[in-house]
């Protein structure tokens, strides 16, 4: 990973997984147990230590600082057995292939997608990933025409995206 040094400032980059179609009855991800299974299936500690060379910390919220997190959040420690159990309870269709998108053009992102794909495969979730091209704001953030009943305005299941900010 590249280091960014700016005098007097610290660069904070946070990567998030965006779920599309949450709450809509037509999506495979509507059941919270499936989303929880995905969280349990991915060994974020190992990813942070190996692929991200110890320069990242797993987070369960949009802020990396523990003092600003909501109390009582589940950390979703790596637990593939729990992931499989939740998928079975949810009636997960093992033939369904999750469509995951990203927009970064670097090799590290491709490597990360490949690692996540392997973790998900280990618990019975098939995943394909692809790079988005075009107007990313529209592609990532367009709301559905009917926010209550959908259908979604996007054609993917999950997105890997970043939120970054400079802090003093």
N, C-alpha and C. Protein backbone atom coordinates (compact mmCIF):
# COMPACT_ATOMS: atom_id res chain seq x y z
N UNK A 1 0.84 -1.18 0.00
CA UNK A 1 0.00 0.00 0.00
C UNK A 1 0.88 1.24 0.00
N UNK A 2 0.42 2.25 -0.67
CA UNK A 2 1.15 3.51 -0.70
C UNK A 2 0.86 4.31 0.55
N UNK A 3 1.89 4.98 1.05
CA UNK A 3 1.71 5.86 2.20
C UNK A 3 1.51 7.28 1.68
N UNK A 4 0.62 7.99 2.31
CA UNK A 4 0.38 9.38 1.96
C UNK A 4 0.82 10.23 3.14
N UNK A 5 1.75 11.15 2.89
CA UNK A 5 2.22 12.03 3.95
C UNK A 5 1.88 13.47 3.57
N UNK A 6 1.19 14.13 4.45
CA UNK A 6 0.85 15.53 4.27
C UNK A 6 1.19 16.23 5.57
N UNK A 7 1.97 17.28 5.50
CA UNK A 7 2.39 17.98 6.72
C UNK A 7 1.20 18.45 7.53
N UNK A 8 1.14 18.01 8.79
CA UNK A 8 0.10 18.48 9.70
C UNK A 8 -1.26 17.84 9.52
N UNK A 9 -1.37 16.87 8.65
CA UNK A 9 -2.67 16.24 8.41
C UNK A 9 -2.53 14.73 8.41
N UNK A 10 -3.61 14.08 8.70
CA UNK A 10 -3.65 12.62 8.65
C UNK A 10 -4.73 12.23 7.64
N UNK A 11 -4.40 11.35 6.74
CA UNK A 11 -5.36 10.88 5.74
C UNK A 11 -6.11 9.69 6.32
N UNK A 12 -7.42 9.77 6.32
CA UNK A 12 -8.25 8.67 6.78
C UNK A 12 -9.08 8.20 5.60
N UNK A 13 -8.89 6.96 5.20
CA UNK A 13 -9.66 6.39 4.11
C UNK A 13 -10.45 5.22 4.66
N UNK A 14 -11.74 5.23 4.41
CA UNK A 14 -12.59 4.15 4.89
C UNK A 14 -13.26 3.49 3.69
N UNK A 15 -13.20 2.18 3.65
CA UNK A 15 -13.84 1.44 2.59
C UNK A 15 -15.08 0.77 3.14
N UNK A 16 -16.13 0.79 2.37
CA UNK A 16 -17.40 0.23 2.82
C UNK A 16 -17.96 -0.69 1.76
N UNK A 17 -18.78 -1.60 2.19
CA UNK A 17 -19.55 -2.43 1.28
C UNK A 17 -20.96 -1.87 1.28
N UNK A 18 -21.47 -1.53 0.10
CA UNK A 18 -22.82 -1.01 -0.02
C UNK A 18 -23.75 -2.14 -0.44
N UNK A 19 -24.86 -2.28 0.24
CA UNK A 19 -25.86 -3.26 -0.13
C UNK A 19 -26.95 -2.55 -0.91
N UNK A 20 -27.29 -3.04 -2.09
CA UNK A 20 -28.41 -2.47 -2.84
C UNK A 20 -29.68 -3.25 -2.50
N UNK A 21 -30.79 -2.65 -2.73
CA UNK A 21 -32.10 -3.31 -2.60
C UNK A 21 -32.47 -3.72 -1.18
N UNK A 22 -31.84 -3.19 -0.17
CA UNK A 22 -32.14 -3.63 1.19
C UNK A 22 -33.62 -3.42 1.50
N UNK A 23 -34.24 -4.47 2.01
CA UNK A 23 -35.64 -4.38 2.39
C UNK A 23 -36.62 -4.73 1.29
N UNK A 24 -36.14 -4.92 0.09
CA UNK A 24 -37.05 -5.26 -1.01
C UNK A 24 -37.19 -6.78 -1.08
N UNK A 25 -38.39 -7.23 -1.29
CA UNK A 25 -38.66 -8.67 -1.26
C UNK A 25 -38.07 -9.40 -2.45
N UNK A 26 -37.64 -8.69 -3.48
CA UNK A 26 -37.14 -9.35 -4.68
C UNK A 26 -35.64 -9.63 -4.64
N UNK A 27 -34.95 -9.17 -3.65
CA UNK A 27 -33.51 -9.35 -3.62
C UNK A 27 -33.09 -10.52 -2.73
N UNK A 28 -31.98 -11.13 -3.09
CA UNK A 28 -31.43 -12.23 -2.30
C UNK A 28 -30.85 -11.73 -0.98
N UNK A 29 -30.62 -10.42 -0.89
CA UNK A 29 -30.01 -9.84 0.31
C UNK A 29 -31.02 -9.21 1.26
N UNK A 30 -32.30 -9.40 0.99
CA UNK A 30 -33.34 -8.79 1.84
C UNK A 30 -33.32 -9.38 3.25
N UNK A 31 -32.98 -10.64 3.37
CA UNK A 31 -32.95 -11.30 4.68
C UNK A 31 -31.69 -10.87 5.43
N UNK A 32 -31.83 -10.26 6.60
CA UNK A 32 -30.65 -9.81 7.34
C UNK A 32 -29.68 -10.93 7.68
N UNK A 33 -30.16 -12.16 7.76
CA UNK A 33 -29.27 -13.28 8.06
C UNK A 33 -28.26 -13.50 6.95
N UNK A 34 -28.66 -13.21 5.71
CA UNK A 34 -27.72 -13.34 4.59
C UNK A 34 -26.63 -12.27 4.70
N UNK A 35 -27.03 -11.06 5.01
CA UNK A 35 -26.04 -9.98 5.16
C UNK A 35 -25.12 -10.26 6.35
N UNK A 36 -25.67 -10.80 7.42
CA UNK A 36 -24.85 -11.17 8.58
C UNK A 36 -23.89 -12.30 8.21
N UNK A 37 -24.37 -13.26 7.44
CA UNK A 37 -23.51 -14.37 7.02
C UNK A 37 -22.33 -13.86 6.20
N UNK A 38 -22.58 -12.91 5.33
CA UNK A 38 -21.49 -12.33 4.54
C UNK A 38 -20.46 -11.70 5.47
N UNK A 39 -20.92 -10.99 6.48
CA UNK A 39 -19.99 -10.35 7.43
C UNK A 39 -19.18 -11.40 8.19
N UNK A 40 -19.82 -12.47 8.63
CA UNK A 40 -19.11 -13.53 9.36
C UNK A 40 -18.16 -14.32 8.45
N UNK A 41 -18.44 -14.37 7.17
CA UNK A 41 -17.67 -15.20 6.24
C UNK A 41 -16.31 -14.61 5.88
N UNK A 42 -16.14 -13.32 6.06
CA UNK A 42 -14.93 -12.63 5.60
C UNK A 42 -14.01 -12.37 6.80
N UNK A 43 -12.79 -12.87 6.71
CA UNK A 43 -11.81 -12.69 7.79
C UNK A 43 -11.10 -11.35 7.62
N UNK A 44 -11.72 -10.30 8.15
CA UNK A 44 -11.19 -8.96 7.99
C UNK A 44 -9.86 -8.78 8.72
N UNK A 45 -9.67 -9.44 9.84
CA UNK A 45 -8.39 -9.33 10.55
C UNK A 45 -7.24 -9.82 9.67
N UNK A 46 -7.43 -10.97 9.05
CA UNK A 46 -6.38 -11.52 8.18
C UNK A 46 -6.17 -10.64 6.96
N UNK A 47 -7.24 -10.15 6.36
CA UNK A 47 -7.12 -9.26 5.21
C UNK A 47 -6.32 -8.01 5.59
N UNK A 48 -6.64 -7.43 6.74
CA UNK A 48 -5.94 -6.22 7.18
C UNK A 48 -4.46 -6.48 7.45
N UNK A 49 -4.16 -7.63 8.03
CA UNK A 49 -2.77 -7.95 8.36
C UNK A 49 -1.95 -8.37 7.15
N UNK A 50 -2.55 -9.06 6.20
CA UNK A 50 -1.79 -9.60 5.07
C UNK A 50 -1.91 -8.72 3.83
N UNK A 51 -3.05 -8.75 3.22
CA UNK A 51 -3.23 -8.01 1.96
C UNK A 51 -3.01 -6.51 2.15
N UNK A 52 -3.48 -5.97 3.26
CA UNK A 52 -3.35 -4.53 3.53
C UNK A 52 -2.14 -4.22 4.40
N UNK A 53 -1.26 -5.20 4.57
CA UNK A 53 0.05 -5.05 5.20
C UNK A 53 0.01 -4.41 6.58
N UNK A 54 -1.03 -4.71 7.36
CA UNK A 54 -1.12 -4.18 8.71
C UNK A 54 -1.43 -2.70 8.80
N UNK A 55 -1.79 -2.09 7.68
CA UNK A 55 -2.05 -0.65 7.65
C UNK A 55 -3.54 -0.33 7.71
N UNK A 56 -4.35 -1.29 8.10
CA UNK A 56 -5.79 -1.08 8.18
C UNK A 56 -6.32 -1.76 9.43
N UNK A 57 -7.48 -1.31 9.86
CA UNK A 57 -8.15 -1.86 11.03
C UNK A 57 -9.59 -2.16 10.65
N UNK A 58 -10.09 -3.36 10.94
CA UNK A 58 -11.50 -3.64 10.65
C UNK A 58 -12.40 -2.69 11.43
N UNK A 59 -13.50 -2.32 10.82
CA UNK A 59 -14.45 -1.42 11.47
C UNK A 59 -15.86 -1.91 11.21
N UNK A 60 -16.75 -1.66 12.15
CA UNK A 60 -18.15 -2.06 11.98
C UNK A 60 -19.06 -0.85 11.86
N UNK A 61 -18.45 0.31 11.66
CA UNK A 61 -19.25 1.52 11.50
C UNK A 61 -18.58 2.43 10.48
N UNK A 62 -19.19 3.55 10.21
CA UNK A 62 -18.62 4.47 9.23
C UNK A 62 -17.51 5.34 9.81
N UNK A 63 -17.21 5.17 11.06
CA UNK A 63 -16.10 5.90 11.66
C UNK A 63 -15.07 4.91 12.19
N UNK A 64 -13.79 5.15 11.92
CA UNK A 64 -12.77 4.22 12.41
C UNK A 64 -12.45 4.43 13.89
N UNK A 65 -12.93 5.50 14.48
CA UNK A 65 -12.59 5.82 15.86
C UNK A 65 -13.58 5.18 16.83
N UNK A 66 -13.11 4.31 17.73
CA UNK A 66 -14.03 3.63 18.65
C UNK A 66 -14.86 4.58 19.51
N UNK A 67 -14.31 5.72 19.86
CA UNK A 67 -15.05 6.62 20.74
C UNK A 67 -16.28 7.23 20.07
N UNK A 68 -16.37 7.16 18.76
CA UNK A 68 -17.52 7.72 18.05
C UNK A 68 -18.49 6.65 17.56
N UNK A 69 -18.22 5.41 17.84
CA UNK A 69 -19.10 4.32 17.39
C UNK A 69 -20.31 4.19 18.31
N UNK A 70 -21.39 3.72 17.73
CA UNK A 70 -22.57 3.42 18.54
C UNK A 70 -22.25 2.25 19.45
N UNK A 71 -22.65 2.30 20.71
CA UNK A 71 -22.35 1.20 21.63
C UNK A 71 -23.12 -0.06 21.25
N UNK A 72 -22.50 -1.21 21.53
CA UNK A 72 -23.18 -2.49 21.34
C UNK A 72 -23.19 -3.04 19.93
N UNK A 73 -22.40 -2.48 19.03
CA UNK A 73 -22.37 -3.02 17.67
C UNK A 73 -21.69 -4.39 17.65
N UNK A 74 -22.22 -5.29 16.83
CA UNK A 74 -21.62 -6.61 16.65
C UNK A 74 -20.37 -6.44 15.78
N UNK A 75 -19.25 -6.96 16.21
CA UNK A 75 -18.01 -6.85 15.44
C UNK A 75 -17.92 -7.87 14.31
N UNK A 76 -18.81 -8.84 14.27
CA UNK A 76 -18.81 -9.87 13.24
C UNK A 76 -17.43 -10.47 13.04
N UNK A 77 -16.89 -11.02 14.11
CA UNK A 77 -15.60 -11.72 14.02
C UNK A 77 -15.74 -12.88 13.04
N UNK A 78 -14.66 -13.20 12.36
CA UNK A 78 -14.65 -14.27 11.37
C UNK A 78 -15.17 -15.57 11.98
N UNK A 79 -16.24 -16.10 11.39
CA UNK A 79 -16.86 -17.32 11.90
C UNK A 79 -17.60 -18.01 10.75
N UNK A 80 -16.87 -18.77 9.93
CA UNK A 80 -17.51 -19.41 8.78
C UNK A 80 -18.61 -20.39 9.16
N UNK A 81 -18.50 -21.04 10.30
CA UNK A 81 -19.56 -21.95 10.74
C UNK A 81 -20.86 -21.19 10.99
N UNK A 82 -20.76 -20.05 11.65
CA UNK A 82 -21.92 -19.20 11.90
C UNK A 82 -22.50 -18.69 10.57
N UNK A 83 -21.63 -18.34 9.63
CA UNK A 83 -22.09 -17.88 8.32
C UNK A 83 -22.90 -18.97 7.62
N UNK A 84 -22.40 -20.19 7.63
CA UNK A 84 -23.12 -21.30 7.00
C UNK A 84 -24.47 -21.55 7.68
N UNK A 85 -24.47 -21.48 9.00
CA UNK A 85 -25.70 -21.67 9.77
C UNK A 85 -26.75 -20.61 9.39
N UNK A 86 -26.33 -19.36 9.32
CA UNK A 86 -27.25 -18.28 8.97
C UNK A 86 -27.78 -18.43 7.55
N UNK A 87 -26.91 -18.84 6.63
CA UNK A 87 -27.35 -19.04 5.24
C UNK A 87 -28.37 -20.16 5.15
N UNK A 88 -28.15 -21.24 5.90
CA UNK A 88 -29.10 -22.34 5.91
C UNK A 88 -30.44 -21.89 6.48
N UNK A 89 -30.41 -21.15 7.59
CA UNK A 89 -31.64 -20.64 8.19
C UNK A 89 -32.40 -19.72 7.22
N UNK A 90 -31.65 -18.96 6.44
CA UNK A 90 -32.26 -18.00 5.52
C UNK A 90 -32.73 -18.66 4.22
N UNK A 91 -32.38 -19.93 4.02
CA UNK A 91 -32.76 -20.61 2.79
C UNK A 91 -31.99 -20.10 1.58
N UNK A 92 -30.72 -19.79 1.78
CA UNK A 92 -29.89 -19.25 0.71
C UNK A 92 -29.82 -20.20 -0.47
N UNK A 93 -30.01 -19.68 -1.67
CA UNK A 93 -29.91 -20.44 -2.92
C UNK A 93 -28.44 -20.46 -3.34
N UNK A 94 -27.78 -21.59 -3.17
CA UNK A 94 -26.35 -21.68 -3.45
C UNK A 94 -26.02 -21.57 -4.94
N UNK A 95 -27.04 -21.55 -5.79
CA UNK A 95 -26.80 -21.34 -7.22
C UNK A 95 -26.78 -19.87 -7.59
N UNK A 96 -27.27 -19.02 -6.70
CA UNK A 96 -27.30 -17.59 -6.98
C UNK A 96 -25.87 -17.05 -6.94
N UNK A 97 -25.55 -16.16 -7.87
CA UNK A 97 -24.22 -15.55 -7.93
C UNK A 97 -24.34 -14.07 -7.58
N UNK A 98 -23.70 -13.68 -6.48
CA UNK A 98 -23.68 -12.27 -6.11
C UNK A 98 -22.90 -11.47 -7.14
N UNK A 99 -23.45 -10.34 -7.52
CA UNK A 99 -22.79 -9.42 -8.45
C UNK A 99 -22.22 -8.27 -7.61
N UNK A 100 -20.90 -8.23 -7.50
CA UNK A 100 -20.23 -7.21 -6.70
C UNK A 100 -19.48 -6.27 -7.64
N UNK A 101 -19.67 -4.97 -7.44
CA UNK A 101 -19.01 -3.98 -8.29
C UNK A 101 -18.01 -3.16 -7.48
N UNK A 102 -17.05 -2.60 -8.18
CA UNK A 102 -16.07 -1.68 -7.60
C UNK A 102 -15.70 -0.69 -8.68
N UNK A 103 -15.00 0.38 -8.30
CA UNK A 103 -14.63 1.36 -9.32
C UNK A 103 -13.15 1.74 -9.29
N UNK A 104 -12.38 1.13 -8.44
CA UNK A 104 -10.96 1.45 -8.37
C UNK A 104 -10.21 0.71 -9.47
N UNK A 105 -9.18 1.34 -10.03
CA UNK A 105 -8.44 0.74 -11.11
C UNK A 105 -7.13 0.08 -10.70
N UNK A 106 -6.93 -0.14 -9.41
CA UNK A 106 -5.66 -0.67 -8.94
C UNK A 106 -5.71 -2.19 -8.73
N UNK A 107 -4.54 -2.80 -8.71
CA UNK A 107 -4.45 -4.25 -8.54
C UNK A 107 -4.86 -4.68 -7.14
N UNK A 108 -4.62 -3.84 -6.13
CA UNK A 108 -4.98 -4.19 -4.76
C UNK A 108 -6.48 -4.46 -4.64
N UNK A 109 -7.29 -3.66 -5.32
CA UNK A 109 -8.74 -3.87 -5.28
C UNK A 109 -9.12 -5.20 -5.92
N UNK A 110 -8.50 -5.51 -7.04
CA UNK A 110 -8.76 -6.80 -7.69
C UNK A 110 -8.35 -7.94 -6.76
N UNK A 111 -7.20 -7.79 -6.10
CA UNK A 111 -6.75 -8.81 -5.15
C UNK A 111 -7.74 -8.95 -4.00
N UNK A 112 -8.23 -7.82 -3.48
CA UNK A 112 -9.20 -7.86 -2.39
C UNK A 112 -10.49 -8.55 -2.83
N UNK A 113 -10.97 -8.23 -4.01
CA UNK A 113 -12.19 -8.88 -4.52
C UNK A 113 -11.98 -10.38 -4.66
N UNK A 114 -10.80 -10.78 -5.10
CA UNK A 114 -10.48 -12.20 -5.26
C UNK A 114 -10.46 -12.91 -3.90
N UNK A 115 -9.89 -12.26 -2.89
CA UNK A 115 -9.86 -12.84 -1.54
C UNK A 115 -11.27 -12.96 -0.98
N UNK A 116 -12.07 -11.91 -1.11
CA UNK A 116 -13.45 -11.95 -0.62
C UNK A 116 -14.24 -13.03 -1.35
N UNK A 117 -14.03 -13.14 -2.65
CA UNK A 117 -14.69 -14.18 -3.44
C UNK A 117 -14.38 -15.57 -2.87
N UNK A 118 -13.13 -15.80 -2.50
CA UNK A 118 -12.74 -17.10 -1.94
C UNK A 118 -13.37 -17.33 -0.56
N UNK A 119 -13.37 -16.31 0.28
CA UNK A 119 -14.02 -16.45 1.60
C UNK A 119 -15.50 -16.78 1.45
N UNK A 120 -16.18 -16.09 0.55
CA UNK A 120 -17.61 -16.34 0.36
C UNK A 120 -17.85 -17.73 -0.22
N UNK A 121 -17.00 -18.16 -1.13
CA UNK A 121 -17.13 -19.50 -1.71
C UNK A 121 -17.01 -20.58 -0.63
N UNK A 122 -16.16 -20.33 0.36
CA UNK A 122 -15.96 -21.30 1.45
C UNK A 122 -17.23 -21.54 2.26
N UNK A 123 -18.17 -20.58 2.25
CA UNK A 123 -19.41 -20.76 3.01
C UNK A 123 -20.61 -21.02 2.10
N UNK A 124 -20.36 -21.14 0.79
CA UNK A 124 -21.44 -21.48 -0.13
C UNK A 124 -22.07 -20.32 -0.87
N UNK A 125 -21.36 -19.20 -0.95
CA UNK A 125 -21.86 -18.05 -1.70
C UNK A 125 -20.98 -17.85 -2.92
N UNK A 126 -21.59 -17.92 -4.09
CA UNK A 126 -20.86 -17.65 -5.32
C UNK A 126 -20.84 -16.14 -5.54
N UNK A 127 -19.72 -15.63 -6.05
CA UNK A 127 -19.58 -14.20 -6.26
C UNK A 127 -18.78 -13.93 -7.52
N UNK A 128 -19.26 -12.97 -8.29
CA UNK A 128 -18.49 -12.43 -9.41
C UNK A 128 -18.30 -10.95 -9.13
N UNK A 129 -17.20 -10.40 -9.62
CA UNK A 129 -16.97 -8.97 -9.41
C UNK A 129 -16.60 -8.32 -10.73
N UNK A 130 -16.93 -7.03 -10.82
CA UNK A 130 -16.65 -6.29 -12.05
C UNK A 130 -16.43 -4.82 -11.72
N UNK A 131 -15.66 -4.17 -12.57
CA UNK A 131 -15.37 -2.75 -12.39
C UNK A 131 -16.45 -1.92 -13.06
N UNK A 132 -16.97 -0.94 -12.32
CA UNK A 132 -17.94 0.00 -12.89
C UNK A 132 -17.21 1.05 -13.71
N UNK A 133 -17.80 1.44 -14.80
CA UNK A 133 -17.26 2.50 -15.64
C UNK A 133 -18.37 3.51 -15.88
N UNK A 134 -18.02 4.78 -15.97
CA UNK A 134 -19.02 5.80 -16.28
C UNK A 134 -19.23 6.76 -15.13
N UNK A 135 -20.41 7.35 -15.06
CA UNK A 135 -20.77 8.32 -14.03
C UNK A 135 -21.01 7.59 -12.72
N UNK A 136 -19.99 7.56 -11.87
CA UNK A 136 -20.04 6.75 -10.65
C UNK A 136 -21.09 7.23 -9.67
N UNK A 137 -21.31 8.52 -9.59
CA UNK A 137 -22.34 9.02 -8.67
C UNK A 137 -23.69 8.45 -9.05
N UNK A 138 -24.02 8.50 -10.31
CA UNK A 138 -25.30 7.96 -10.77
C UNK A 138 -25.33 6.44 -10.61
N UNK A 139 -24.24 5.79 -10.97
CA UNK A 139 -24.20 4.33 -10.90
C UNK A 139 -24.29 3.80 -9.47
N UNK A 140 -23.73 4.51 -8.51
CA UNK A 140 -23.71 4.03 -7.13
C UNK A 140 -24.85 4.54 -6.27
N UNK A 141 -25.32 5.74 -6.51
CA UNK A 141 -26.20 6.39 -5.55
C UNK A 141 -27.60 6.70 -6.05
N UNK A 142 -27.99 6.26 -7.23
CA UNK A 142 -29.33 6.54 -7.73
C UNK A 142 -30.37 5.81 -6.90
N UNK A 143 -31.32 6.55 -6.33
CA UNK A 143 -32.37 5.89 -5.54
C UNK A 143 -33.39 5.23 -6.45
N UNK A 144 -34.11 4.24 -5.94
CA UNK A 144 -35.16 3.61 -6.75
C UNK A 144 -36.30 4.60 -7.00
N UNK A 145 -37.03 4.38 -8.08
CA UNK A 145 -38.17 5.25 -8.40
C UNK A 145 -39.19 5.21 -7.27
N UNK A 146 -39.40 4.04 -6.70
CA UNK A 146 -40.31 3.88 -5.56
C UNK A 146 -39.47 3.37 -4.39
N UNK A 147 -39.08 4.24 -3.46
CA UNK A 147 -38.18 3.82 -2.39
C UNK A 147 -38.78 2.80 -1.43
N UNK A 148 -40.09 2.61 -1.46
CA UNK A 148 -40.73 1.65 -0.57
C UNK A 148 -40.78 0.26 -1.20
N UNK A 149 -41.18 0.19 -2.46
CA UNK A 149 -41.39 -1.11 -3.10
C UNK A 149 -40.37 -1.44 -4.19
N UNK A 150 -39.48 -0.51 -4.49
CA UNK A 150 -38.48 -0.79 -5.51
C UNK A 150 -39.08 -0.79 -6.89
N UNK A 151 -38.53 -1.39 -7.88
CA UNK A 151 -37.26 -2.11 -7.84
C UNK A 151 -36.08 -1.16 -7.76
N UNK A 152 -34.94 -1.70 -7.45
CA UNK A 152 -33.75 -0.89 -7.30
C UNK A 152 -33.37 -0.23 -8.61
N UNK A 153 -32.70 0.90 -8.52
CA UNK A 153 -32.22 1.58 -9.71
C UNK A 153 -30.87 1.04 -10.15
N UNK A 154 -30.28 0.15 -9.37
CA UNK A 154 -28.98 -0.42 -9.73
C UNK A 154 -29.15 -1.89 -10.09
N UNK A 155 -28.17 -2.41 -10.82
CA UNK A 155 -28.27 -3.80 -11.26
C UNK A 155 -27.22 -4.70 -10.62
N UNK A 156 -26.72 -4.32 -9.45
CA UNK A 156 -25.73 -5.12 -8.75
C UNK A 156 -26.22 -5.39 -7.34
N UNK A 157 -25.59 -6.37 -6.69
CA UNK A 157 -25.97 -6.73 -5.32
C UNK A 157 -25.18 -5.95 -4.27
N UNK A 158 -23.88 -5.86 -4.47
CA UNK A 158 -23.00 -5.20 -3.51
C UNK A 158 -22.03 -4.30 -4.25
N UNK A 159 -21.59 -3.23 -3.59
CA UNK A 159 -20.57 -2.37 -4.17
C UNK A 159 -19.47 -2.15 -3.14
N UNK A 160 -18.25 -2.17 -3.61
CA UNK A 160 -17.10 -1.83 -2.78
C UNK A 160 -16.75 -0.40 -3.12
N UNK A 161 -16.85 0.48 -2.14
CA UNK A 161 -16.63 1.90 -2.39
C UNK A 161 -15.89 2.51 -1.22
N UNK A 162 -15.34 3.67 -1.41
CA UNK A 162 -14.58 4.32 -0.36
C UNK A 162 -15.16 5.65 0.03
N UNK A 163 -14.95 5.98 1.28
CA UNK A 163 -15.30 7.29 1.81
C UNK A 163 -14.00 7.80 2.43
N UNK A 164 -13.55 8.96 2.01
CA UNK A 164 -12.30 9.45 2.57
C UNK A 164 -12.43 10.90 3.01
N UNK A 165 -11.60 11.26 3.93
CA UNK A 165 -11.60 12.63 4.44
C UNK A 165 -10.24 12.94 5.02
N UNK A 166 -9.87 14.19 4.93
CA UNK A 166 -8.66 14.64 5.60
C UNK A 166 -9.04 15.15 6.97
N UNK A 167 -8.31 14.75 7.98
CA UNK A 167 -8.59 15.22 9.33
C UNK A 167 -7.36 15.93 9.87
N UNK A 168 -7.59 16.92 10.67
CA UNK A 168 -6.47 17.67 11.25
C UNK A 168 -6.05 17.07 12.57
